[in-house]
Amino acid sequence: MKTSIIALAFAAFAASGLAQAADTTTTSAAAQTEQSGTSRIVASQKTRADVRRELVQAQKDGQLAGLSTLYRGS
């Protein structure tokens, strides 16, 4: 009887250890994705004038109006 209880406890601890290891891996992958996204933003720096120019161009092209109708919802 004690042997089966010990075996069951060992199996439960092993399963919980695997679950925690999987959670750590997921968190690590999310952190790496976040870091790579941050480095991409830093690598493509735009000036305020560049962004303002793109905004004005998008307004003239009607892209912003298209986005507002797209995201208006039902």
C-alpha atoms as a PDB file:
ATOM      1  CA  MET A   1       0.000   0.000   0.000  1.00  0.00           C
ATOM      2  CA  LYS A   2       2.772   2.454   0.920  1.00  0.00           C
ATOM      3  CA  THR A   3       4.583   1.671  -2.313  1.00  0.00           C
ATOM      4  CA  SER A   4       1.582   2.626  -4.435  1.00  0.00           C
ATOM      5  CA  ILE A   5       1.096   5.881  -2.480  1.00  0.00           C
ATOM      6  CA  ILE A   6       4.774   6.757  -2.936  1.00  0.00           C
ATOM      7  CA  ALA A   7       4.576   5.912  -6.649  1.00  0.00           C
ATOM      8  CA  LEU A   8       1.445   8.056  -7.029  1.00  0.00           C
ATOM      9  CA  ALA A   9       3.082  10.971  -5.186  1.00  0.00           C
ATOM     10  CA  PHE A  10       6.187  10.676  -7.360  1.00  0.00           C
ATOM     11  CA  ALA A  11       4.064  10.680 -10.522  1.00  0.00           C
ATOM     12  CA  ALA A  12       2.156  13.761  -9.323  1.00  0.00           C
ATOM     13  CA  PHE A  13       5.378  15.646  -8.537  1.00  0.00           C
ATOM     14  CA  ALA A  14       6.873  14.680 -11.907  1.00  0.00           C
ATOM     15  CA  ALA A  15       3.781  15.878 -13.766  1.00  0.00           C
ATOM     16  CA  SER A  16       3.731  19.183 -11.908  1.00  0.00           C
ATOM     17  CA  GLY A  17       7.439  19.660 -12.581  1.00  0.00           C
ATOM     18  CA  LEU A  18       6.890  19.149 -16.299  1.00  0.00           C
ATOM     19  CA  ALA A  19       4.016  21.625 -16.265  1.00  0.00           C
ATOM     20  CA  GLN A  20       6.168  24.252 -14.573  1.00  0.00           C
ATOM     21  CA  ALA A  21       9.017  23.619 -17.021  1.00  0.00           C
ATOM     22  CA  ALA A  22       6.636  24.075 -19.952  1.00  0.00           C
ATOM     23  CA  ASP A  23       5.339  27.319 -18.456  1.00  0.00           C
ATOM     24  CA  THR A  24       8.894  28.631 -18.040  1.00  0.00           C
ATOM     25  CA  THR A  25       9.666  27.787 -21.672  1.00  0.00           C
ATOM     26  CA  THR A  26       6.580  29.663 -22.846  1.00  0.00           C
ATOM     27  CA  THR A  27       7.497  32.673 -20.730  1.00  0.00           C
ATOM     28  CA  SER A  28      11.052  32.593 -22.066  1.00  0.00           C
ATOM     29  CA  ALA A  29       9.816  32.472 -25.662  1.00  0.00           C
ATOM     30  CA  ALA A  30       7.477  35.407 -24.994  1.00  0.00           C
ATOM     31  CA  ALA A  31      10.343  37.399 -23.507  1.00  0.00           C
ATOM     32  CA  GLN A  32      12.522  36.666 -26.544  1.00  0.00           C
ATOM     33  CA  THR A  33       9.732  37.746 -28.875  1.00  0.00           C
ATOM     34  CA  GLU A  34       9.274  40.955 -26.928  1.00  0.00           C
ATOM     35  CA  GLN A  35      13.012  41.663 -27.026  1.00  0.00           C
ATOM     36  CA  SER A  36      13.234  41.037 -30.759  1.00  0.00           C
ATOM     37  CA  GLY A  37      10.246  43.333 -31.327  1.00  0.00           C
ATOM     38  CA  THR A  38      11.910  46.041 -29.270  1.00  0.00           C
ATOM     39  CA  SER A  39      15.153  45.775 -31.208  1.00  0.00           C
ATOM     40  CA  ARG A  40      13.232  46.017 -34.485  1.00  0.00           C
ATOM     41  CA  ILE A  41      11.625  49.252 -33.333  1.00  0.00           C
ATOM     42  CA  VAL A  42      14.972  50.721 -32.332  1.00  0.00           C
ATOM     43  CA  ALA A  43      16.579  49.644 -35.610  1.00  0.00           C
ATOM     44  CA  SER A  44      14.009  51.498 -37.732  1.00  0.00           C
ATOM     45  CA  GLN A  45      14.002  54.926 -36.151  1.00  0.00           C
ATOM     46  CA  LYS A  46      11.924  57.576 -37.858  1.00  0.00           C
ATOM     47  CA  THR A  47      11.926  61.237 -37.145  1.00  0.00           C
ATOM     48  CA  ARG A  48       8.761  63.076 -36.206  1.00  0.00           C
ATOM     49  CA  ALA A  49       8.845  64.758 -39.584  1.00  0.00           C
ATOM     50  CA  ASP A  50       8.886  61.341 -41.324  1.00  0.00           C
ATOM     51  CA  VAL A  51       5.895  60.136 -39.316  1.00  0.00           C
ATOM     52  CA  ARG A  52       4.004  63.387 -39.891  1.00  0.00           C
ATOM     53  CA  ARG A  53       4.691  63.124 -43.639  1.00  0.00           C
ATOM     54  CA  GLU A  54       3.364  59.550 -43.687  1.00  0.00           C
ATOM     55  CA  LEU A  55       0.266  60.644 -41.754  1.00  0.00           C
ATOM     56  CA  VAL A  56      -0.486  63.472 -44.172  1.00  0.00           C
ATOM     57  CA  GLN A  57       0.039  61.132 -47.126  1.00  0.00           C
ATOM     58  CA  ALA A  58      -2.301  58.531 -45.592  1.00  0.00           C
ATOM     59  CA  GLN A  59      -4.957  61.197 -45.072  1.00  0.00           C
ATOM     60  CA  LYS A  60      -4.668  62.333 -48.692  1.00  0.00           C
ATOM     61  CA  ASP A  61      -4.787  58.760 -50.017  1.00  0.00           C
ATOM     62  CA  GLY A  62      -7.889  57.953 -47.987  1.00  0.00           C
ATOM     63  CA  GLN A  63      -6.169  55.185 -46.056  1.00  0.00           C
ATOM     64  CA  LEU A  64      -7.249  56.625 -42.703  1.00  0.00           C
ATOM     65  CA  ALA A  65     -10.858  56.887 -43.826  1.00  0.00           C
ATOM     66  CA  GLY A  66     -10.718  53.270 -44.939  1.00  0.00           C
ATOM     67  CA  LEU A  67      -9.337  52.219 -41.579  1.00  0.00           C
ATOM     68  CA  SER A  68     -11.999  54.119 -39.682  1.00  0.00           C
ATOM     69  CA  THR A  69     -14.768  52.395 -41.644  1.00  0.00           C
ATOM     70  CA  LEU A  70     -13.037  49.049 -41.203  1.00  0.00           C
ATOM     71  CA  TYR A  71     -12.673  49.400 -37.423  1.00  0.00           C
ATOM     72  CA  ARG A  72     -15.988  51.165 -36.812  1.00  0.00           C
ATOM     73  CA  GLY A  73     -17.586  47.881 -35.812  1.00  0.00           C
ATOM     74  CA  SER A  74     -21.115  46.628 -36.269  1.00  0.00           C
END
